[in-house]
Amino acid sequence: MNWDSLLSAKRFGSDSKLPEDKLMARSQFQRDYDRIIFSSPFRRLQNKTQVFPLPGSVFVHNRLTHSLEVASVGRSLGNVLAVELEKRGELPGSDLFSMIGTVVSAACLAHDMGNPPFGHSGEKAISHYFAEGKGAMVKNMVSINEWTDLTHFEGNANALRVLTHQFNGRRRGGFALTCTTLASLVKYPYGSDAATDKNNNKYGYFVSECETFEEIVREEGLICLSDNPVRHCRHPLVYLVEAADDITYQVMDVEDAHKLKILSTAETKDILMAFREDDSEFCSGAETVFATVTDVNEQISYLRATLINKLVGECIAAFMAHYDKIMNGQYTLSLIDSLEGVSRMAINNCSALSIQRIYNHPSVVEVELAGYRILGALLDDFIDAVLNPQSHYAKKLLALLPEQFTCSPESSTYTRIQSVLDFVSGMTDLYALELYWKINGIQVS
């Protein structure tokens, strides 16, 4: 792969590549960022659970604040990488490298836009509805690959659909983002038929977006690794988007747990300081700062900021150490998994503790269980309505579907089901709960 094609300003859905206008205040990639941040699907992330229940007296992260922080870390990663690539003499005389930080930041901003309500359990709740719930009835109405999409619903694939699909009444190309930003978003460059790892059924696009991804592949020059099933290599900037997400949630989930008093101050400091055990200068520096900064939350914030800065540097070092393999489509690890020494041990310990103390905390599990019940009930009603639209009740339900998600009765079963998944996965936690209450007669005003 080469950076000439990997940094393309061509917009998805457009027939021509737009040149950079030196007189304009924004690059094409900055326009991508702006289109995302001003969009309704992005704004709705403010009422979607990240890990912990949406705030009462203590404000913790939601999908929107998480995405903004990932975008910030991603911009730093991209800017540092641009400096390293210029040192190598890549694309001499080009100003494209100055835009890498913007590309990564835009992709980071959009990385969770396909996630349904109620945290990560939202994906599992949708998958469970088809694999083990009433949705199993449609198995013989769809193709094998379509069925795999439904029984392993994937937020990553849904993000690509949200950004590129031409919904009713909308323009061709969806958000019409550049192919480079879209390619940088696709963490798993293959469909569900190629997700062979039984322990990780992640994939990057639905059957409905197969041609979409192929168009992006052609423009970006991504290497095809397998024809049957089709698998491509990642765009190199995907590694930075993934690293920004990994760094952010590892650190911020711990900080949120501290604010909610799930972790004590001493435990939280030990977790964050463990990443710097090989840096006596940092440890003594922290002691100096803490001598004057006595506010506990500010102390945790200081440790968090220095840790993120450390991990950014280490991830870029890992990227450059494996640069040739990444550019040849041969590298299979994430940058975080590439780290060694103290950081590797600290990450492993942090992950183990997060699973034990954070992700299985009763408040988190309660939200997940609610998500199963609420999403399952909504899917049951609306999928039955789109498949059997003639009854009076079905017509009333379908009247609640926004126009952009409607489809004709002549559409395929998969298309009709997708129209419901588009509607339900785009809901905020609050809207899903209120609609569940209303159509079940629990709340009527």
Protein backbone atom coordinates (compact mmCIF):
# COMPACT_ATOMS: atom_id res chain seq x y z
CA MET A 1 0.00 0.00 0.00
CA ASN A 2 1.15 3.56 -0.54
CA TRP A 3 0.16 6.86 1.03
CA ASP A 4 -0.72 8.43 -2.34
CA SER A 5 -3.89 6.33 -2.45
CA LEU A 6 -4.31 5.82 1.30
CA LEU A 7 -4.85 9.56 1.79
CA SER A 8 -7.61 10.18 -0.75
CA ALA A 9 -9.97 13.15 -0.66
CA LYS A 10 -12.51 11.33 -2.87
CA ARG A 11 -15.91 11.30 -1.23
CA PHE A 12 -17.98 8.14 -1.09
CA GLY A 13 -20.90 8.45 -3.48
CA SER A 14 -19.10 10.98 -5.66
CA ASP A 15 -17.81 10.20 -9.13
CA SER A 16 -14.76 12.42 -8.88
CA LYS A 17 -11.97 13.24 -6.47
CA LEU A 18 -12.25 16.72 -5.02
CA PRO A 19 -9.02 18.73 -5.11
CA GLU A 20 -7.85 20.52 -2.00
CA ASP A 21 -8.69 24.21 -2.20
CA LYS A 22 -5.79 26.10 -0.64
CA LEU A 23 -8.02 29.14 -0.10
CA MET A 24 -10.58 27.24 1.97
CA ALA A 25 -10.35 27.25 5.76
CA ARG A 26 -11.11 23.53 6.00
CA SER A 27 -9.49 20.52 4.36
CA GLN A 28 -11.73 17.76 2.99
CA PHE A 29 -10.91 15.70 6.09
CA GLN A 30 -11.84 18.55 8.41
CA ARG A 31 -15.18 18.65 6.61
CA ASP A 32 -15.60 14.96 7.47
CA TYR A 33 -15.08 15.79 11.14
CA ASP A 34 -17.57 18.64 10.98
CA ARG A 35 -20.23 16.59 9.17
CA ILE A 36 -20.04 13.96 11.89
CA ILE A 37 -20.09 16.30 14.87
CA PHE A 38 -23.09 18.28 13.56
CA SER A 39 -25.13 15.15 12.78
CA SER A 40 -28.15 13.83 14.64
CA PRO A 41 -26.77 10.28 15.06
CA PHE A 42 -23.70 11.74 16.75
CA ARG A 43 -25.74 13.96 19.07
CA ARG A 44 -27.83 10.98 20.14
CA LEU A 45 -24.70 9.39 21.59
CA GLN A 46 -25.10 11.74 24.56
CA ASN A 47 -27.94 9.54 25.79
CA LYS A 48 -26.38 6.14 25.10
CA THR A 49 -24.68 4.20 27.85
CA GLN A 50 -20.91 3.74 27.64
CA VAL A 51 -20.39 1.42 30.64
CA PHE A 52 -22.10 2.83 33.71
CA PRO A 53 -25.76 3.91 33.94
CA LEU A 54 -26.35 7.41 32.69
CA PRO A 55 -25.63 9.94 35.41
CA GLY A 56 -27.59 10.85 38.45
CA SER A 57 -25.58 12.93 40.90
CA VAL A 58 -22.23 11.79 39.43
CA PHE A 59 -21.51 12.46 35.78
CA VAL A 60 -19.79 9.51 34.11
CA HIS A 61 -18.98 8.92 30.47
CA ASN A 62 -21.64 8.32 27.87
CA ARG A 63 -21.01 7.37 24.25
CA LEU A 64 -20.67 11.00 23.20
CA THR A 65 -18.11 12.07 25.80
CA HIS A 66 -16.21 8.84 25.19
CA SER A 67 -16.14 9.49 21.43
CA LEU A 68 -14.93 13.07 21.91
CA GLU A 69 -12.08 11.87 24.13
CA VAL A 70 -11.15 9.09 21.70
CA ALA A 71 -11.06 11.70 18.92
CA SER A 72 -8.72 13.85 21.01
CA VAL A 73 -6.32 10.97 21.64
CA GLY A 74 -6.61 9.91 17.99
CA ARG A 75 -5.62 13.39 16.82
CA SER A 76 -2.48 13.21 18.96
CA LEU A 77 -1.62 9.77 17.60
CA GLY A 78 -2.11 10.97 14.03
CA ASN A 79 -0.04 14.11 14.50
CA VAL A 80 2.85 12.19 16.06
CA LEU A 81 2.71 9.58 13.28
CA ALA A 82 2.83 12.35 10.66
CA VAL A 83 6.11 13.59 12.14
CA GLU A 84 7.57 10.07 12.08
CA LEU A 85 6.52 9.49 8.47
CA GLU A 86 8.06 12.76 7.36
CA LYS A 87 11.31 11.67 9.00
CA ARG A 88 11.20 8.59 6.75
CA GLY A 89 10.84 10.80 3.68
CA GLU A 90 7.41 9.48 2.76
CA LEU A 91 5.55 11.61 0.18
CA PRO A 92 8.24 14.31 -0.03
CA GLY A 93 6.86 17.80 -0.60
CA SER A 94 3.29 16.78 0.20
CA ASP A 95 1.15 18.48 2.83
CA LEU A 96 -1.10 15.43 3.18
CA PHE A 97 0.72 14.21 6.26
CA SER A 98 -0.36 17.31 8.15
CA MET A 99 -3.93 16.02 7.75
CA ILE A 100 -3.40 12.56 9.27
CA GLY A 101 -4.37 13.77 12.73
CA THR A 102 -7.64 15.13 11.34
CA VAL A 103 -8.45 11.87 9.52
CA VAL A 104 -7.83 9.77 12.61
CA SER A 105 -9.78 12.18 14.78
CA ALA A 106 -12.78 12.10 12.43
CA ALA A 107 -12.80 8.28 12.29
CA CYS A 108 -12.51 8.15 16.09
CA LEU A 109 -15.43 10.54 16.41
CA ALA A 110 -17.61 8.16 14.37
CA HIS A 111 -16.39 4.83 15.71
CA ASP A 112 -19.36 4.23 18.04
CA MET A 113 -22.13 5.70 15.88
CA GLY A 114 -23.45 2.24 15.01
CA ASN A 115 -23.74 1.05 18.59
CA PRO A 116 -27.29 0.43 19.88
CA PRO A 117 -28.54 1.69 23.25
CA PHE A 118 -27.66 0.12 26.62
CA GLY A 119 -23.92 -0.24 26.18
CA HIS A 120 -22.15 -3.21 24.62
CA SER A 121 -24.95 -5.49 25.78
CA GLY A 122 -27.16 -3.79 23.17
CA GLU A 123 -25.32 -5.67 20.42
CA LYS A 124 -25.69 -8.92 22.34
CA ALA A 125 -29.37 -8.29 22.99
CA ILE A 126 -30.06 -7.89 19.26
CA SER A 127 -27.99 -10.97 18.42
CA HIS A 128 -29.76 -12.97 21.15
CA TYR A 129 -33.18 -12.02 19.79
CA PHE A 130 -32.40 -13.74 16.49
CA ALA A 131 -30.19 -16.58 17.71
CA GLU A 132 -32.26 -17.66 20.70
CA GLY A 133 -35.39 -15.49 20.82
CA LYS A 134 -38.49 -15.05 18.67
CA GLY A 135 -36.37 -13.76 15.80
CA ALA A 136 -35.27 -17.33 15.08
CA MET A 137 -38.44 -17.67 12.99
CA VAL A 138 -36.85 -15.68 10.13
CA LYS A 139 -33.85 -18.01 9.69
CA ASN A 140 -35.30 -19.69 6.61
CA MET A 141 -36.38 -16.36 5.11
CA VAL A 142 -32.86 -14.95 4.68
CA SER A 143 -29.57 -16.11 3.19
CA ILE A 144 -26.86 -17.80 5.27
CA ASN A 145 -24.70 -14.66 5.34
CA GLU A 146 -27.69 -12.44 6.17
CA TRP A 147 -28.57 -14.76 9.03
CA THR A 148 -25.00 -14.51 10.35
CA ASP A 149 -25.31 -10.70 10.26
CA LEU A 150 -28.47 -10.90 12.35
CA THR A 151 -27.28 -13.45 14.90
CA HIS A 152 -23.98 -11.60 15.38
CA PHE A 153 -25.14 -7.99 15.16
CA GLU A 154 -22.05 -5.80 15.02
CA GLY A 155 -21.86 -2.13 16.00
CA ASN A 156 -18.73 -1.65 13.88
CA ALA A 157 -20.55 -2.81 10.76
CA ASN A 158 -23.55 -0.70 11.67
CA ALA A 159 -21.36 2.41 11.92
CA LEU A 160 -20.32 1.98 8.29
CA ARG A 161 -23.98 1.58 7.33
CA VAL A 162 -25.06 4.69 9.26
CA LEU A 163 -22.39 6.73 7.48
CA THR A 164 -22.80 5.41 3.92
CA HIS A 165 -26.31 4.05 3.40
CA GLN A 166 -28.76 6.10 1.36
CA PHE A 167 -31.76 6.10 3.70
CA ASN A 168 -35.14 7.19 2.33
CA GLY A 169 -35.14 10.85 1.40
CA ARG A 170 -31.39 11.17 1.95
CA ARG A 171 -28.58 11.78 -0.50
CA ARG A 172 -26.48 9.16 -2.23
CA GLY A 173 -23.44 8.23 -0.20
CA GLY A 174 -24.99 8.91 3.19
CA PHE A 175 -22.71 11.40 4.95
CA ALA A 176 -20.55 11.49 1.79
CA LEU A 177 -17.36 11.24 3.82
CA THR A 178 -13.98 10.78 2.19
CA CYS A 179 -13.03 7.19 1.44
CA THR A 180 -9.95 7.64 3.64
CA THR A 181 -11.98 8.51 6.74
CA LEU A 182 -14.36 5.62 6.07
CA ALA A 183 -11.51 3.15 5.52
CA SER A 184 -9.88 4.32 8.74
CA LEU A 185 -13.07 3.42 10.58
CA VAL A 186 -13.30 -0.22 9.43
CA LYS A 187 -11.53 -2.14 12.17
CA TYR A 188 -12.47 -5.53 10.68
CA PRO A 189 -12.13 -5.35 6.86
CA TYR A 190 -14.32 -8.34 6.06
CA GLY A 191 -17.92 -9.49 6.31
CA SER A 192 -19.52 -11.79 8.86
CA ASP A 193 -18.80 -14.82 6.69
CA ALA A 194 -15.08 -14.27 7.28
CA ALA A 195 -15.34 -13.81 11.05
CA THR A 196 -14.03 -17.30 11.79
CA ASP A 197 -12.77 -16.78 15.35
CA LYS A 198 -15.36 -18.43 17.61
CA ASN A 199 -14.28 -16.21 20.48
CA ASN A 200 -14.42 -13.01 18.46
CA ASN A 201 -17.15 -12.79 15.83
CA LYS A 202 -16.37 -9.18 15.00
CA TYR A 203 -16.67 -8.01 11.39
CA GLY A 204 -16.69 -4.72 9.53
CA TYR A 205 -19.70 -4.60 7.20
CA PHE A 206 -23.09 -6.19 6.64
CA VAL A 207 -24.09 -8.03 3.47
CA SER A 208 -25.93 -4.85 2.47
CA GLU A 209 -22.67 -2.83 2.56
CA CYS A 210 -20.45 -5.31 0.74
CA GLU A 211 -20.35 -3.25 -2.47
CA THR A 212 -19.86 -0.10 -0.41
CA PHE A 213 -16.73 -1.50 1.18
CA GLU A 214 -15.44 -2.79 -2.16
CA GLU A 215 -15.70 0.75 -3.55
CA ILE A 216 -13.70 2.06 -0.61
CA VAL A 217 -11.11 -0.71 -1.05
CA ARG A 218 -10.58 0.17 -4.72
CA GLU A 219 -10.08 3.84 -3.97
CA GLU A 220 -7.72 3.29 -1.04
CA GLY A 221 -5.74 0.44 -2.58
CA LEU A 222 -6.19 -1.96 0.34
CA ILE A 223 -4.61 -5.38 -0.16
CA CYS A 224 -6.87 -8.41 -0.64
CA LEU A 225 -5.68 -11.17 1.69
CA SER A 226 -8.23 -13.83 0.76
CA ASP A 227 -10.81 -14.39 -1.99
CA ASN A 228 -12.95 -17.02 -0.29
CA PRO A 229 -14.08 -15.67 2.07
CA VAL A 230 -13.11 -12.16 1.07
CA ARG A 231 -10.76 -10.50 3.55
CA HIS A 232 -8.75 -7.33 3.09
CA CYS A 233 -5.97 -5.82 5.13
CA ARG A 234 -6.64 -2.84 7.36
CA HIS A 235 -6.03 0.72 6.35
CA PRO A 236 -2.89 1.68 8.36
CA LEU A 237 -4.74 4.45 10.19
CA VAL A 238 -7.18 1.90 11.63
CA TYR A 239 -4.40 0.92 14.03
CA LEU A 240 -4.40 4.45 15.42
CA VAL A 241 -8.20 4.64 15.73
CA GLU A 242 -8.17 1.31 17.56
CA ALA A 243 -5.32 2.44 19.83
CA ALA A 244 -7.11 5.69 20.69
CA ASP A 245 -10.21 3.72 21.70
CA ASP A 246 -8.18 1.15 23.67
CA ILE A 247 -6.21 3.81 25.54
CA THR A 248 -9.27 5.89 26.35
CA TYR A 249 -11.60 3.23 27.66
CA GLN A 250 -8.86 1.49 29.65
CA VAL A 251 -8.07 4.69 31.51
CA MET A 252 -11.43 6.46 31.66
CA ASP A 253 -13.39 3.43 32.88
CA VAL A 254 -11.05 3.32 35.86
CA GLU A 255 -11.54 7.04 36.48
CA ASP A 256 -15.33 6.65 36.30
CA ALA A 257 -15.18 3.70 38.71
CA HIS A 258 -13.26 5.92 41.13
CA LYS A 259 -15.84 8.70 40.90
CA LEU A 260 -18.60 6.18 41.61
CA LYS A 261 -16.58 4.84 44.57
CA ILE A 262 -16.40 1.36 43.05
CA LEU A 263 -12.62 1.70 43.32
CA SER A 264 -10.94 3.43 46.23
CA THR A 265 -8.52 6.30 45.68
CA ALA A 266 -5.60 4.11 46.73
CA GLU A 267 -6.62 1.34 44.32
CA THR A 268 -7.06 3.81 41.46
CA LYS A 269 -3.66 5.41 42.04
CA ASP A 270 -2.01 1.99 42.19
CA ILE A 271 -3.61 0.99 38.86
CA LEU A 272 -2.49 4.15 37.07
CA MET A 273 0.94 4.36 38.69
CA ALA A 274 1.65 0.75 37.67
CA PHE A 275 2.07 1.94 34.07
CA ARG A 276 4.95 4.17 35.22
CA GLU A 277 6.83 1.85 37.55
CA ASP A 278 9.82 1.96 35.18
CA ASP A 279 9.98 5.77 35.41
CA SER A 280 11.36 6.94 38.74
CA GLU A 281 11.39 10.53 37.47
CA PHE A 282 7.63 10.39 36.89
CA CYS A 283 7.01 8.87 40.32
CA SER A 284 8.99 11.60 42.05
CA GLY A 285 7.27 14.19 39.82
CA ALA A 286 3.87 12.91 40.88
CA GLU A 287 4.85 13.23 44.52
CA THR A 288 5.88 16.84 43.90
CA VAL A 289 2.58 17.64 42.16
CA PHE A 290 0.54 15.94 44.87
CA ALA A 291 2.27 18.04 47.52
CA THR A 292 0.44 21.10 46.20
CA VAL A 293 -2.53 19.53 44.35
CA THR A 294 -4.46 17.95 47.21
CA ASP A 295 -7.81 17.50 45.47
CA VAL A 296 -8.13 13.74 44.94
CA ASN A 297 -9.97 13.99 41.61
CA GLU A 298 -7.31 16.38 40.28
CA GLN A 299 -4.60 13.95 41.34
CA ILE A 300 -6.32 11.15 39.42
CA SER A 301 -6.73 13.46 36.43
CA TYR A 302 -3.01 14.24 36.50
CA LEU A 303 -2.11 10.54 36.50
CA ARG A 304 -4.61 9.88 33.71
CA ALA A 305 -3.21 12.65 31.50
CA THR A 306 0.41 11.58 31.89
CA LEU A 307 -0.55 7.95 31.29
CA ILE A 308 -2.37 8.75 28.05
CA ASN A 309 0.66 10.73 26.87
CA LYS A 310 2.93 7.77 27.67
CA LEU A 311 0.73 5.28 25.83
CA VAL A 312 0.44 7.54 22.77
CA GLY A 313 4.23 7.59 22.48
CA GLU A 314 4.53 3.84 22.97
CA CYS A 315 1.82 3.04 20.43
CA ILE A 316 3.50 5.18 17.78
CA ALA A 317 6.81 3.49 18.56
CA ALA A 318 5.07 0.13 18.05
CA PHE A 319 3.55 1.34 14.76
CA MET A 320 6.93 2.38 13.42
CA ALA A 321 8.60 -0.82 14.68
CA HIS A 322 6.11 -2.86 12.62
CA TYR A 323 5.72 -0.31 9.82
CA ASP A 324 6.67 -2.59 6.93
CA LYS A 325 4.32 -5.35 8.01
CA ILE A 326 1.49 -2.86 8.51
CA MET A 327 2.01 -1.39 5.03
CA ASN A 328 2.13 -4.87 3.51
CA GLY A 329 -1.07 -5.94 5.23
CA GLN A 330 0.73 -8.59 7.28
CA TYR A 331 0.39 -7.23 10.82
CA THR A 332 -2.32 -8.86 12.92
CA LEU A 333 -1.98 -7.40 16.44
CA SER A 334 -3.37 -4.17 17.82
CA LEU A 335 -0.85 -1.54 18.87
CA ILE A 336 -1.88 -1.93 22.52
CA ASP A 337 -1.27 -5.68 22.29
CA SER A 338 2.15 -4.92 20.80
CA LEU A 339 3.36 -3.14 23.93
CA GLU A 340 5.86 -4.88 26.16
CA GLY A 341 7.40 -4.62 29.62
CA VAL A 342 5.74 -2.58 32.34
CA SER A 343 2.95 -1.29 30.09
CA ARG A 344 2.05 -4.81 28.97
CA MET A 345 1.79 -6.07 32.55
CA ALA A 346 -0.13 -2.98 33.68
CA ILE A 347 -2.62 -3.31 30.82
CA ASN A 348 -3.21 -6.98 31.60
CA ASN A 349 -3.78 -6.19 35.27
CA CYS A 350 -6.05 -3.26 34.41
CA SER A 351 -8.12 -5.40 32.03
CA ALA A 352 -8.51 -8.21 34.56
CA LEU A 353 -9.56 -5.79 37.28
CA SER A 354 -12.02 -4.03 34.94
CA ILE A 355 -13.76 -7.30 34.14
CA GLN A 356 -13.93 -8.29 37.78
CA ARG A 357 -14.78 -5.01 39.48
CA ILE A 358 -16.18 -2.69 36.80
CA TYR A 359 -17.92 -4.51 33.94
CA ASN A 360 -19.60 -6.97 36.32
CA HIS A 361 -20.62 -4.35 38.87
CA PRO A 362 -24.34 -4.69 39.70
CA SER A 363 -25.16 -1.24 38.29
CA VAL A 364 -23.64 -2.24 34.94
CA VAL A 365 -25.30 -5.64 34.83
CA GLU A 366 -28.69 -4.10 35.64
CA VAL A 367 -28.47 -1.86 32.56
CA GLU A 368 -27.48 -4.83 30.42
CA LEU A 369 -30.40 -6.92 31.62
CA ALA A 370 -32.80 -4.04 31.00
CA GLY A 371 -31.38 -3.74 27.48
CA TYR A 372 -32.15 -7.37 26.73
CA ARG A 373 -35.77 -7.01 27.81
CA ILE A 374 -36.45 -3.63 26.20
CA LEU A 375 -34.71 -4.22 22.86
CA GLY A 376 -36.13 -7.73 22.58
CA ALA A 377 -39.67 -6.46 23.05
CA LEU A 378 -39.24 -3.62 20.55
CA LEU A 379 -37.75 -5.93 17.94
CA ASP A 380 -40.53 -8.46 18.46
CA ASP A 381 -43.26 -5.90 17.80
CA PHE A 382 -41.68 -4.01 14.92
CA ILE A 383 -40.24 -7.00 13.04
CA ASP A 384 -43.60 -8.75 13.18
CA ALA A 385 -45.14 -5.54 11.85
CA VAL A 386 -42.79 -5.17 8.85
CA LEU A 387 -43.19 -8.86 7.96
CA ASN A 388 -46.98 -8.83 8.42
CA PRO A 389 -47.96 -5.23 7.69
CA GLN A 390 -51.65 -5.76 6.91
CA SER A 391 -53.09 -5.88 10.42
CA HIS A 392 -54.46 -2.75 12.05
CA TYR A 393 -51.95 -3.03 14.91
CA ALA A 394 -49.03 -3.42 12.50
CA LYS A 395 -50.08 -0.33 10.56
CA LYS A 396 -50.19 1.68 13.78
CA LEU A 397 -46.72 0.47 14.77
CA LEU A 398 -45.24 1.18 11.34
CA ALA A 399 -46.62 4.70 11.53
CA LEU A 400 -44.06 5.25 14.30
CA LEU A 401 -41.15 4.48 11.98
CA PRO A 402 -39.46 7.68 10.72
CA GLU A 403 -39.73 8.03 6.96
CA GLN A 404 -36.01 7.43 6.45
CA PHE A 405 -36.41 3.87 7.80
CA THR A 406 -39.51 2.81 5.90
CA CYS A 407 -39.42 0.25 3.10
CA SER A 408 -41.98 -1.29 0.76
CA PRO A 409 -43.66 -4.65 1.44
CA GLU A 410 -41.99 -5.88 -1.78
CA SER A 411 -38.55 -5.47 -0.23
CA SER A 412 -36.65 -8.59 0.79
CA THR A 413 -37.10 -9.97 4.29
CA TYR A 414 -33.53 -8.95 5.16
CA THR A 415 -34.14 -5.38 3.98
CA ARG A 416 -37.34 -5.10 6.00
CA ILE A 417 -35.64 -6.44 9.11
CA GLN A 418 -32.76 -4.04 8.58
CA SER A 419 -35.19 -1.12 8.51
CA VAL A 420 -36.24 -2.07 12.04
CA LEU A 421 -32.63 -2.55 13.18
CA ASP A 422 -31.75 0.87 11.75
CA PHE A 423 -34.57 2.39 13.81
CA VAL A 424 -33.93 0.50 17.06
CA SER A 425 -30.13 0.65 17.04
CA GLY A 426 -30.26 4.42 16.52
CA MET A 427 -32.42 4.97 19.61
CA THR A 428 -31.10 6.56 22.78
CA ASP A 429 -31.48 4.61 26.01
CA LEU A 430 -34.22 6.97 27.16
CA TYR A 431 -36.23 6.86 23.94
CA ALA A 432 -36.06 3.05 23.80
CA LEU A 433 -37.31 2.85 27.39
CA GLU A 434 -40.12 5.35 26.85
CA LEU A 435 -41.29 3.68 23.62
CA TYR A 436 -41.23 0.30 25.37
CA TRP A 437 -43.38 1.72 28.16
CA LYS A 438 -45.85 3.31 25.76
CA ILE A 439 -46.47 0.43 23.36
CA ASN A 440 -46.79 -1.94 26.32
CA GLY A 441 -49.32 0.31 28.06
CA ILE A 442 -47.05 1.00 31.04
CA GLN A 443 -47.01 4.74 30.36
CA VAL A 444 -49.54 6.39 28.08
CA SER A 445 -48.80 10.08 28.38
